[in-house]
Structures are given as structure tokens and as C-alpha cells.
PDB file of N, CA and C in Angstrom:
ATOM      1  N   MET A   1       5.651  -7.700 -13.757  1.00  0.00           N
ATOM      2  CA  MET A   1       4.803  -8.289 -12.714  1.00  0.00           C
ATOM      3  C   MET A   1       5.778  -8.611 -11.608  1.00  0.00           C
ATOM      4  N   ALA A   2       5.415  -8.066 -10.187  1.00  0.00           N
ATOM      5  CA  ALA A   2       6.210  -8.227  -8.964  1.00  0.00           C
ATOM      6  C   ALA A   2       6.229  -9.691  -8.580  1.00  0.00           C
ATOM      7  N   ARG A   3       7.193  -9.934  -7.962  1.00  0.00           N
ATOM      8  CA  ARG A   3       7.292 -11.333  -7.324  1.00  0.00           C
ATOM      9  C   ARG A   3       6.115 -11.764  -6.379  1.00  0.00           C
ATOM     10  N   LYS A   4       5.778 -12.756  -6.292  1.00  0.00           N
ATOM     11  CA  LYS A   4       4.502 -13.172  -5.468  1.00  0.00           C
ATOM     12  C   LYS A   4       4.744 -12.920  -4.239  1.00  0.00           C
ATOM     13  N   ALA A   5       6.061 -13.275  -3.672  1.00  0.00           N
ATOM     14  CA  ALA A   5       6.540 -13.254  -2.268  1.00  0.00           C
ATOM     15  C   ALA A   5       6.466 -11.604  -1.764  1.00  0.00           C
ATOM     16  N   LEU A   6       6.911 -10.818  -2.851  1.00  0.00           N
ATOM     17  CA  LEU A   6       6.802  -9.190  -2.282  1.00  0.00           C
ATOM     18  C   LEU A   6       5.226  -8.738  -2.033  1.00  0.00           C
ATOM     19  N   ILE A   7       4.364  -9.393  -3.130  1.00  0.00           N
ATOM     20  CA  ILE A   7       3.167  -8.807  -2.646  1.00  0.00           C
ATOM     21  C   ILE A   7       2.240  -9.608  -1.512  1.00  0.00           C
ATOM     22  N   GLN A   8       2.795 -10.860  -1.284  1.00  0.00           N
ATOM     23  CA  GLN A   8       2.348 -11.506  -0.021  1.00  0.00           C
ATOM     24  C   GLN A   8       2.659 -10.862   1.237  1.00  0.00           C
ATOM     25  N   ARG A   9       4.143 -10.301   1.268  1.00  0.00           N
ATOM     26  CA  ARG A   9       4.666  -9.721   2.269  1.00  0.00           C
ATOM     27  C   ARG A   9       3.919  -8.396   2.515  1.00  0.00           C
ATOM     28  N   GLU A  10       3.682  -7.702   1.596  1.00  0.00           N
ATOM     29  CA  GLU A  10       2.820  -6.433   1.811  1.00  0.00           C
ATOM     30  C   GLU A  10       1.541  -6.712   2.283  1.00  0.00           C
ATOM     31  N   LEU A  11       0.681  -7.826   1.883  1.00  0.00           N
ATOM     32  CA  LEU A  11      -0.548  -8.081   2.400  1.00  0.00           C
ATOM     33  C   LEU A  11      -0.397  -8.457   3.832  1.00  0.00           C
ATOM     34  N   LYS A  12       0.680  -9.135   4.294  1.00  0.00           N
ATOM     35  CA  LYS A  12       0.966  -9.564   5.810  1.00  0.00           C
ATOM     36  C   LYS A  12       1.136  -8.392   6.588  1.00  0.00           C
ATOM     37  N   ARG A  13       1.885  -7.524   5.900  1.00  0.00           N
ATOM     38  CA  ARG A  13       2.157  -6.239   6.731  1.00  0.00           C
ATOM     39  C   ARG A  13       0.827  -5.490   6.910  1.00  0.00           C
ATOM     40  N   GLN A  14       0.035  -5.493   5.935  1.00  0.00           N
ATOM     41  CA  GLN A  14      -1.457  -4.614   6.052  1.00  0.00           C
ATOM     42  C   GLN A  14      -2.259  -5.383   7.110  1.00  0.00           C
ATOM     43  N   ARG A  15      -2.269  -6.733   7.185  1.00  0.00           N
ATOM     44  CA  ARG A  15      -2.917  -7.417   8.403  1.00  0.00           C
ATOM     45  C   ARG A  15      -2.493  -7.054   9.696  1.00  0.00           C
ATOM     46  N   LEU A  16      -1.182  -7.136   9.751  1.00  0.00           N
ATOM     47  CA  LEU A  16      -0.441  -6.928  11.204  1.00  0.00           C
ATOM     48  C   LEU A  16      -0.670  -5.452  11.647  1.00  0.00           C
ATOM     49  N   THR A  17      -0.750  -4.536  10.403  1.00  0.00           N
ATOM     50  CA  THR A  17      -1.155  -3.465  10.953  1.00  0.00           C
ATOM     51  C   THR A  17      -2.538  -3.081  11.522  1.00  0.00           C
ATOM     52  N   GLN A  18      -3.434  -3.756  10.795  1.00  0.00           N
ATOM     53  CA  GLN A  18      -4.877  -3.767  11.359  1.00  0.00           C
ATOM     54  C   GLN A  18      -4.937  -4.178  12.558  1.00  0.00           C
ATOM     55  N   LYS A  19      -4.231  -5.539  12.713  1.00  0.00           N
ATOM     56  CA  LYS A  19      -4.466  -6.160  13.986  1.00  0.00           C
ATOM     57  C   LYS A  19      -3.921  -5.566  15.198  1.00  0.00           C
ATOM     58  N   TYR A  20      -2.804  -4.664  15.255  1.00  0.00           N
ATOM     59  CA  TYR A  20      -2.338  -4.044  16.190  1.00  0.00           C
ATOM     60  C   TYR A  20      -2.589  -2.400  16.209  1.00  0.00           C
ATOM     61  N   ALA A  21      -3.698  -2.004  15.479  1.00  0.00           N
ATOM     62  CA  ALA A  21      -3.884  -0.667  15.374  1.00  0.00           C
ATOM     63  C   ALA A  21      -4.245   0.124  16.849  1.00  0.00           C
ATOM     64  N   MET A  22      -5.224  -0.629  17.424  1.00  0.00           N
ATOM     65  CA  MET A  22      -5.681  -0.215  18.649  1.00  0.00           C
ATOM     66  C   MET A  22      -4.584  -0.334  19.971  1.00  0.00           C
ATOM     67  N   LYS A  23      -3.920  -1.527  19.867  1.00  0.00           N
ATOM     68  CA  LYS A  23      -2.877  -1.589  20.954  1.00  0.00           C
ATOM     69  C   LYS A  23      -1.964  -0.680  20.697  1.00  0.00           C
ATOM     70  N   ARG A  24      -1.411  -0.258  19.541  1.00  0.00           N
ATOM     71  CA  ARG A  24      -0.464   0.690  19.263  1.00  0.00           C
ATOM     72  C   ARG A  24      -0.865   2.102  19.575  1.00  0.00           C
ATOM     73  N   ALA A  25      -2.374   2.352  19.369  1.00  0.00           N
ATOM     74  CA  ALA A  25      -2.719   3.549  19.684  1.00  0.00           C
ATOM     75  C   ALA A  25      -2.889   3.790  21.313  1.00  0.00           C
ATOM     76  N   GLU A  26      -3.272   2.858  21.925  1.00  0.00           N
ATOM     77  CA  GLU A  26      -3.191   2.909  23.369  1.00  0.00           C
ATOM     78  C   GLU A  26      -1.758   3.314  24.054  1.00  0.00           C
ATOM     79  N   LEU A  27      -0.783   2.455  23.478  1.00  0.00           N
ATOM     80  CA  LEU A  27       0.540   2.409  23.920  1.00  0.00           C
ATOM     81  C   LEU A  27       1.264   3.680  23.732  1.00  0.00           C
ATOM     82  N   LYS A  28       1.040   4.287  22.480  1.00  0.00           N
ATOM     83  CA  LYS A  28       1.238   5.645  22.155  1.00  0.00           C
ATOM     84  C   LYS A  28       0.765   6.740  23.000  1.00  0.00           C
ATOM     85  N   ALA A  29      -0.503   6.568  23.369  1.00  0.00           N
ATOM     86  CA  ALA A  29      -1.109   7.574  24.211  1.00  0.00           C
ATOM     87  C   ALA A  29      -0.571   7.687  25.517  1.00  0.00           C
ATOM     88  N   ALA A  30      -0.215   6.142  26.249  1.00  0.00           N
ATOM     89  CA  ALA A  30       0.321   6.215  27.474  1.00  0.00           C
ATOM     90  C   ALA A  30       1.574   6.495  27.528  1.00  0.00           C
ATOM     91  N   GLY A  31       2.529   6.618  26.125  1.00  0.00           N
ATOM     92  CA  GLY A  31       3.814   7.118  26.285  1.00  0.00           C
ATOM     93  C   GLY A  31       4.804   5.908  26.664  1.00  0.00           C
ATOM     94  N   ASP A  32       4.345   4.758  26.340  1.00  0.00           N
ATOM     95  CA  ASP A  32       5.100   3.388  26.735  1.00  0.00           C
ATOM     96  C   ASP A  32       5.700   3.078  25.633  1.00  0.00           C
ATOM     97  N   ILE A  33       7.068   3.658  25.522  1.00  0.00           N
ATOM     98  CA  ILE A  33       8.031   3.303  24.295  1.00  0.00           C
ATOM     99  C   ILE A  33       8.375   1.869  24.432  1.00  0.00           C
ATOM    100  N   GLU A  34       8.575   1.313  25.617  1.00  0.00           N
ATOM    101  CA  GLU A  34       9.019  -0.200  25.620  1.00  0.00           C
ATOM    102  C   GLU A  34       8.050  -1.101  25.196  1.00  0.00           C
ATOM    103  N   GLY A  35       6.758  -0.815  25.383  1.00  0.00           N
ATOM    104  CA  GLY A  35       5.547  -1.655  25.201  1.00  0.00           C
ATOM    105  C   GLY A  35       5.450  -1.503  23.504  1.00  0.00           C
ATOM    106  N   LEU A  36       5.696  -0.517  23.065  1.00  0.00           N
ATOM    107  CA  LEU A  36       5.698  -0.300  21.356  1.00  0.00           C
ATOM    108  C   LEU A  36       6.848  -1.210  20.724  1.00  0.00           C
ATOM    109  N   ALA A  37       8.057  -1.028  21.672  1.00  0.00           N
ATOM    110  CA  ALA A  37       9.152  -1.807  21.079  1.00  0.00           C
ATOM    111  C   ALA A  37       8.948  -3.167  20.689  1.00  0.00           C
ATOM    112  N   LYS A  38       8.065  -3.795  21.646  1.00  0.00           N
ATOM    113  CA  LYS A  38       7.943  -5.148  21.734  1.00  0.00           C
ATOM    114  C   LYS A  38       6.767  -5.684  20.771  1.00  0.00           C
ATOM    115  N   LEU A  39       6.057  -4.679  20.128  1.00  0.00           N
ATOM    116  CA  LEU A  39       5.200  -5.139  19.161  1.00  0.00           C
ATOM    117  C   LEU A  39       5.911  -5.585  17.876  1.00  0.00           C
ATOM    118  N   PRO A  40       5.409  -6.291  17.036  1.00  0.00           N
ATOM    119  CA  PRO A  40       5.994  -6.619  15.733  1.00  0.00           C
ATOM    120  C   PRO A  40       6.670  -5.481  14.888  1.00  0.00           C
ATOM    121  N   ARG A  41       7.522  -5.731  14.218  1.00  0.00           N
ATOM    122  CA  ARG A  41       7.932  -4.435  13.476  1.00  0.00           C
ATOM    123  C   ARG A  41       6.995  -4.045  12.135  1.00  0.00           C
ATOM    124  N   ASN A  42       6.570  -5.284  11.642  1.00  0.00           N
ATOM    125  CA  ASN A  42       5.824  -4.964  10.480  1.00  0.00           C
ATOM    126  C   ASN A  42       4.434  -4.424  11.015  1.00  0.00           C
ATOM    127  N   SER A  43       4.209  -4.453  12.107  1.00  0.00           N
ATOM    128  CA  SER A  43       2.740  -3.820  12.619  1.00  0.00           C
ATOM    129  C   SER A  43       2.721  -2.401  12.398  1.00  0.00           C
ATOM    130  N   ASN A  44       3.949  -1.602  12.292  1.00  0.00           N
ATOM    131  CA  ASN A  44       3.850  -0.222  12.058  1.00  0.00           C
ATOM    132  C   ASN A  44       3.611   0.209  10.786  1.00  0.00           C
ATOM    133  N   PRO A  45       2.566   1.020  10.728  1.00  0.00           N
ATOM    134  CA  PRO A  45       1.901   1.586   9.518  1.00  0.00           C
ATOM    135  C   PRO A  45       3.025   2.342   8.517  1.00  0.00           C
ATOM    136  N   THR A  46       4.253   2.834   9.178  1.00  0.00           N
ATOM    137  CA  THR A  46       4.957   3.255   8.090  1.00  0.00           C
ATOM    138  C   THR A  46       5.650   2.451   7.479  1.00  0.00           C
ATOM    139  N   ARG A  47       5.900   1.259   7.524  1.00  0.00           N
ATOM    140  CA  ARG A  47       6.634   0.326   6.978  1.00  0.00           C
ATOM    141  C   ARG A  47       5.649  -0.281   5.705  1.00  0.00           C
ATOM    142  N   LEU A  48       4.451   0.157   5.619  1.00  0.00           N
ATOM    143  CA  LEU A  48       3.589  -0.204   4.462  1.00  0.00           C
ATOM    144  C   LEU A  48       4.054   0.504   3.285  1.00  0.00           C
ATOM    145  N   HIS A  49       3.859  -0.191   2.017  1.00  0.00           N
ATOM    146  CA  HIS A  49       4.253   0.568   0.767  1.00  0.00           C
ATOM    147  C   HIS A  49       3.271   0.403  -0.362  1.00  0.00           C
ATOM    148  N   ASN A  50       2.820   1.310  -0.873  1.00  0.00           N
ATOM    149  CA  ASN A  50       2.062   1.477  -2.023  1.00  0.00           C
ATOM    150  C   ASN A  50       2.435   0.487  -3.045  1.00  0.00           C
ATOM    151  N   ARG A  51       1.267  -0.384  -3.504  1.00  0.00           N
ATOM    152  CA  ARG A  51       1.812  -1.107  -4.757  1.00  0.00           C
ATOM    153  C   ARG A  51       0.604  -1.197  -5.659  1.00  0.00           C
ATOM    154  N   CYS A  52       0.841  -1.418  -6.965  1.00  0.00           N
ATOM    155  CA  CYS A  52      -0.232  -1.557  -8.038  1.00  0.00           C
ATOM    156  C   CYS A  52      -1.242  -2.683  -7.429  1.00  0.00           C
ATOM    157  N   GLU A  53      -2.523  -2.382  -7.745  1.00  0.00           N
ATOM    158  CA  GLU A  53      -3.542  -3.355  -7.606  1.00  0.00           C
ATOM    159  C   GLU A  53      -3.454  -4.531  -8.522  1.00  0.00           C
ATOM    160  N   ILE A  54      -2.863  -4.208  -9.608  1.00  0.00           N
ATOM    161  CA  ILE A  54      -3.038  -5.260 -10.865  1.00  0.00           C
ATOM    162  C   ILE A  54      -1.620  -6.170 -10.865  1.00  0.00           C
ATOM    163  N   THR A  55      -0.439  -5.271 -10.866  1.00  0.00           N
ATOM    164  CA  THR A  55       0.686  -5.946 -11.301  1.00  0.00           C
ATOM    165  C   THR A  55       1.464  -6.160 -10.181  1.00  0.00           C
ATOM    166  N   GLY A  56       1.210  -5.135  -8.951  1.00  0.00           N
ATOM    167  CA  GLY A  56       2.178  -5.273  -7.732  1.00  0.00           C
ATOM    168  C   GLY A  56       3.461  -4.475  -7.887  1.00  0.00           C
ATOM    169  N   ARG A  57       3.438  -3.592  -8.732  1.00  0.00           N
ATOM    170  CA  ARG A  57       4.453  -2.831  -8.921  1.00  0.00           C
ATOM    171  C   ARG A  57       4.660  -1.815  -7.800  1.00  0.00           C
ATOM    172  N   SER A  58       5.798  -1.535  -7.426  1.00  0.00           N
ATOM    173  CA  SER A  58       5.782  -0.554  -6.229  1.00  0.00           C
ATOM    174  C   SER A  58       6.166   0.959  -6.571  1.00  0.00           C
ATOM    175  N   ARG A  59       7.005   0.911  -7.790  1.00  0.00           N
ATOM    176  CA  ARG A  59       7.525   2.143  -8.099  1.00  0.00           C
ATOM    177  C   ARG A  59       6.456   2.767  -9.056  1.00  0.00           C
ATOM    178  N   SER A  60       6.619   4.209  -9.021  1.00  0.00           N
ATOM    179  CA  SER A  60       5.570   5.202  -9.936  1.00  0.00           C
ATOM    180  C   SER A  60       4.345   4.597  -9.608  1.00  0.00           C
ATOM    181  N   TYR A  61       3.790   4.719  -8.644  1.00  0.00           N
ATOM    182  CA  TYR A  61       2.578   4.375  -8.204  1.00  0.00           C
ATOM    183  C   TYR A  61       1.670   5.538  -8.177  1.00  0.00           C
ATOM    184  N   ILE A  62       0.325   5.593  -8.748  1.00  0.00           N
ATOM    185  CA  ILE A  62      -0.422   6.779  -8.871  1.00  0.00           C
ATOM    186  C   ILE A  62      -1.565   6.635  -7.918  1.00  0.00           C
ATOM    187  N   ARG A  63      -1.525   7.265  -6.703  1.00  0.00           N
ATOM    188  CA  ARG A  63      -2.273   7.023  -5.499  1.00  0.00           C
ATOM    189  C   ARG A  63      -3.956   7.004  -5.818  1.00  0.00           C
ATOM    190  N   ASP A  64      -4.099   8.110  -6.468  1.00  0.00           N
ATOM    191  CA  ASP A  64      -5.566   8.384  -6.756  1.00  0.00           C
ATOM    192  C   ASP A  64      -6.319   7.222  -7.545  1.00  0.00           C
ATOM    193  N   PHE A  65      -5.456   6.408  -8.440  1.00  0.00           N
ATOM    194  CA  PHE A  65      -6.167   5.281  -9.135  1.00  0.00           C
ATOM    195  C   PHE A  65      -5.703   3.808  -8.429  1.00  0.00           C
ATOM    196  N   GLY A  66      -4.419   3.952  -7.618  1.00  0.00           N
ATOM    197  CA  GLY A  66      -4.090   2.658  -7.016  1.00  0.00           C
ATOM    198  C   GLY A  66      -3.460   2.022  -8.077  1.00  0.00           C
ATOM    199  N   LEU A  67      -2.884   2.504  -9.190  1.00  0.00           N
ATOM    200  CA  LEU A  67      -2.117   1.636  -9.987  1.00  0.00           C
ATOM    201  C   LEU A  67      -0.727   2.405 -10.356  1.00  0.00           C
ATOM    202  N   SER A  68       0.021   1.577 -10.995  1.00  0.00           N
ATOM    203  CA  SER A  68       1.444   1.991 -11.509  1.00  0.00           C
ATOM    204  C   SER A  68       1.231   2.909 -12.844  1.00  0.00           C
ATOM    205  N   ARG A  69       2.299   3.595 -13.069  1.00  0.00           N
ATOM    206  CA  ARG A  69       2.061   4.419 -14.249  1.00  0.00           C
ATOM    207  C   ARG A  69       1.887   3.599 -15.714  1.00  0.00           C
ATOM    208  N   ILE A  70       2.265   2.437 -15.644  1.00  0.00           N
ATOM    209  CA  ILE A  70       2.262   1.685 -16.972  1.00  0.00           C
ATOM    210  C   ILE A  70       1.022   1.142 -17.046  1.00  0.00           C
ATOM    211  N   THR A  71       0.410   0.354 -15.770  1.00  0.00           N
ATOM    212  CA  THR A  71      -0.972  -0.059 -15.881  1.00  0.00           C
ATOM    213  C   THR A  71      -2.028   0.802 -16.151  1.00  0.00           C
ATOM    214  N   PHE A  72      -1.693   2.250 -15.503  1.00  0.00           N
ATOM    215  CA  PHE A  72      -2.702   3.179 -15.832  1.00  0.00           C
ATOM    216  C   PHE A  72      -2.712   3.527 -17.174  1.00  0.00           C
ATOM    217  N   ARG A  73      -1.607   3.738 -17.964  1.00  0.00           N
ATOM    218  CA  ARG A  73      -1.631   4.122 -19.150  1.00  0.00           C
ATOM    219  C   ARG A  73      -2.420   3.061 -20.060  1.00  0.00           C
ATOM    220  N   GLU A  74      -2.187   1.866 -19.945  1.00  0.00           N
ATOM    221  CA  GLU A  74      -2.828   0.688 -20.494  1.00  0.00           C
ATOM    222  C   GLU A  74      -4.208   0.571 -20.530  1.00  0.00           C
ATOM    223  N   GLN A  75      -4.749   0.885 -18.951  1.00  0.00           N
ATOM    224  CA  GLN A  75      -6.089   0.779 -18.765  1.00  0.00           C
ATOM    225  C   GLN A  75      -6.817   1.932 -19.290  1.00  0.00           C
ATOM    226  N   ALA A  76      -5.955   3.121 -19.183  1.00  0.00           N
ATOM    227  CA  ALA A  76      -6.666   4.513 -19.999  1.00  0.00           C
ATOM    228  C   ALA A  76      -6.704   4.337 -21.326  1.00  0.00           C
ATOM    229  N   SER A  77      -5.869   3.909 -21.840  1.00  0.00           N
ATOM    230  CA  SER A  77      -5.940   3.816 -23.430  1.00  0.00           C
ATOM    231  C   SER A  77      -7.010   2.788 -23.977  1.00  0.00           C
ATOM    232  N   ASN A  78      -7.123   1.841 -23.012  1.00  0.00           N
ATOM    233  CA  ASN A  78      -8.417   0.752 -23.376  1.00  0.00           C
ATOM    234  C   ASN A  78      -9.674   1.271 -22.888  1.00  0.00           C
ATOM    235  N   GLY A  79      -9.978   2.451 -22.438  1.00  0.00           N
ATOM    236  CA  GLY A  79     -11.046   2.716 -21.797  1.00  0.00           C
ATOM    237  C   GLY A  79     -11.538   2.244 -20.512  1.00  0.00           C
ATOM    238  N   ARG A  80     -10.835   1.695 -19.746  1.00  0.00           N
ATOM    239  CA  ARG A  80     -11.237   1.073 -18.575  1.00  0.00           C
ATOM    240  C   ARG A  80     -11.284   1.909 -17.398  1.00  0.00           C
ATOM    241  N   ILE A  81     -10.849   3.151 -17.442  1.00  0.00           N
ATOM    242  CA  ILE A  81     -10.788   3.911 -16.261  1.00  0.00           C
ATOM    243  C   ILE A  81     -11.847   5.117 -16.592  1.00  0.00           C
ATOM    244  N   PRO A  82     -12.955   5.323 -15.966  1.00  0.00           N
ATOM    245  CA  PRO A  82     -13.871   6.225 -16.261  1.00  0.00           C
ATOM    246  C   PRO A  82     -13.421   7.519 -16.359  1.00  0.00           C
ATOM    247  N   GLY A  83     -13.601   8.516 -17.167  1.00  0.00           N
ATOM    248  CA  GLY A  83     -13.259   9.976 -16.951  1.00  0.00           C
ATOM    249  C   GLY A  83     -12.088  10.087 -17.441  1.00  0.00           C
ATOM    250  N   ILE A  84     -11.202   9.246 -17.832  1.00  0.00           N
ATOM    251  CA  ILE A  84      -9.778   9.372 -18.246  1.00  0.00           C
ATOM    252  C   ILE A  84      -9.812   9.481 -19.951  1.00  0.00           C
ATOM    253  N   THR A  85      -9.438  10.360 -20.696  1.00  0.00           N
ATOM    254  CA  THR A  85      -9.302  10.396 -22.173  1.00  0.00           C
ATOM    255  C   THR A  85      -8.024  10.906 -22.438  1.00  0.00           C
ATOM    256  N   LYS A  86      -7.277  10.214 -23.718  1.00  0.00           N
ATOM    257  CA  LYS A  86      -6.102  10.628 -24.017  1.00  0.00           C
ATOM    258  C   LYS A  86      -6.030  11.990 -24.438  1.00  0.00           C
ATOM    259  N   SER A  87      -4.986  12.805 -23.915  1.00  0.00           N
ATOM    260  CA  SER A  87      -5.132  14.261 -24.402  1.00  0.00           C
ATOM    261  C   SER A  87      -4.710  14.448 -25.757  1.00  0.00           C
ATOM    262  N   SER A  88      -5.164  15.391 -26.553  1.00  0.00           N
ATOM    263  CA  SER A  88      -4.636  15.792 -27.872  1.00  0.00           C
ATOM    264  C   SER A  88      -4.829  17.342 -28.082  1.00  0.00           C
ATOM    265  N   TRP A  89      -3.801  18.038 -28.644  1.00  0.00           N
ATOM    266  CA  TRP A  89      -3.994  19.348 -28.992  1.00  0.00           C
ATOM    267  C   TRP A  89      -3.351  19.811 -30.322  1.00  0.00           C
TER     268      TRP A  89
END
């Protein structure tokens, strides 16, 4: 489980990104580099990082499911992800 502070920090970045999306697009279209520099750093969408929905783990994130590999394996083994079965041959 990731630290609560890291999860909250990521949520704050998501909120800031949504808040300044329109203003950032306008400044970018106008070519106003100085105006972009005055916006908060965390409002830049490149600073967002994918995290597991359940545990908050940032590494080995599976984008299609929004889970880390460990959580994905547990959920798939318990049959909680529709359409996913354990392979055997």
C-alpha cells in the first residue's frame, strides 16, 4: 500500500490539471511562454503519474485495467475481473 500522502498528492495534481486545462490551452495557442511559466507546476498534465486504483502502487501499472500487476493478479484469480481467466496449457 502506498503512503496516503502520495495518493493525495496525485489527486491534487489531477484537480489542478483539470482546473487550469482551459487556461493552459489558451496560453499555449497564443504562444505565451511567460504566462505558462506562471501557472502552478503541478497543473501540467505531464506531471501526472498512473497509480493503482486499489493500492496506490505506482510501478508496474496496467493501463487497461487501472491496477498494478500484483492487484491485477489477485483480482483475476478471485474472478473479480470479467473476461480474465488463468491460462493453462
